[in-house]
Amino acid sequence: MNSITFRAHSAEMGLRFEVTFTSPFYPRDQKLSTAPFFYVDVRVIPISTRVFWNGVREDVCRTG
């Protein structure tokens, strides 16, 4: 099986979202490996700790 997962979070809503797309793939199994479908797993997870964004110190600067 091959899969890819996307993750995002919303501090405002206090949630983390995960979506995983999985396609079936088994070596030497042409029928299953070329099937026109994939699995989608969706997870919504409460964030147990609050997320706070801190500013950068004034003496820190970006170069380049």
Protein backbone atom coordinates (compact mmCIF):
# COMPACT_ATOMS: atom_id res chain seq x y z
CA MET A 1 0.00 0.00 0.00
CA ASN A 2 1.17 3.53 -0.78
CA SER A 3 -0.08 6.47 1.21
CA ILE A 4 0.38 10.16 1.86
CA THR A 5 -0.82 12.08 4.91
CA PHE A 6 -1.68 15.77 5.16
CA ARG A 7 -1.80 17.43 8.57
CA ALA A 8 -3.12 20.82 9.61
CA HIS A 9 -4.10 22.46 12.84
CA SER A 10 -6.31 25.32 13.90
CA ALA A 11 -5.38 27.07 17.13
CA GLU A 12 -8.62 29.03 16.88
CA MET A 13 -10.74 25.86 16.79
CA GLY A 14 -8.40 23.86 19.04
CA LEU A 15 -8.24 20.97 16.56
CA ARG A 16 -5.71 19.05 14.49
CA PHE A 17 -6.80 17.51 11.19
CA GLU A 18 -5.20 14.55 9.44
CA VAL A 19 -6.19 13.14 6.06
CA THR A 20 -4.47 10.03 4.69
CA PHE A 21 -4.91 8.85 1.11
CA THR A 22 -3.92 5.22 0.53
CA SER A 23 -3.82 3.37 -2.78
CA PRO A 24 -3.49 -0.38 -2.95
CA PHE A 25 -0.26 -1.65 -4.42
CA TYR A 26 1.08 -5.16 -4.18
CA PRO A 27 3.97 -6.29 -6.38
CA ARG A 28 2.97 -8.85 -9.01
CA ASP A 29 -0.74 -8.26 -8.37
CA GLN A 30 -1.75 -6.28 -11.43
CA LYS A 31 -5.48 -6.54 -10.83
CA LEU A 32 -5.37 -5.08 -7.32
CA SER A 33 -2.58 -2.59 -8.01
CA THR A 34 -4.50 -0.98 -10.89
CA ALA A 35 -7.88 -0.87 -9.14
CA PRO A 36 -9.58 2.51 -9.67
CA PHE A 37 -10.05 3.34 -5.98
CA PHE A 38 -8.20 4.53 -2.90
CA TYR A 39 -8.87 4.72 0.81
CA VAL A 40 -9.37 8.00 2.65
CA ASP A 41 -8.86 8.19 6.40
CA VAL A 42 -9.89 11.42 8.14
CA ARG A 43 -9.02 12.18 11.73
CA VAL A 44 -10.03 15.19 13.81
CA ILE A 45 -8.05 15.39 17.05
CA PRO A 46 -8.51 17.91 19.86
CA ILE A 47 -5.32 19.84 20.66
CA SER A 48 -4.55 19.12 24.30
CA THR A 49 -2.28 22.13 24.76
CA ARG A 50 -2.85 25.66 23.62
CA VAL A 51 -0.71 26.97 20.77
CA PHE A 52 0.84 30.40 21.26
CA TRP A 53 2.87 32.23 18.66
CA ASN A 54 5.80 34.26 19.99
CA GLY A 55 7.27 37.22 18.20
CA VAL A 56 10.90 37.36 17.15
CA ARG A 57 13.34 39.35 19.28
CA GLU A 58 14.20 42.78 17.85
CA ASP A 59 17.91 41.98 17.63
CA VAL A 60 17.25 38.98 15.33
CA CYS A 61 17.33 39.80 11.62
CA ARG A 62 17.13 37.77 8.45
CA THR A 63 19.98 37.83 6.01
CA GLY A 64 20.16 36.60 2.48
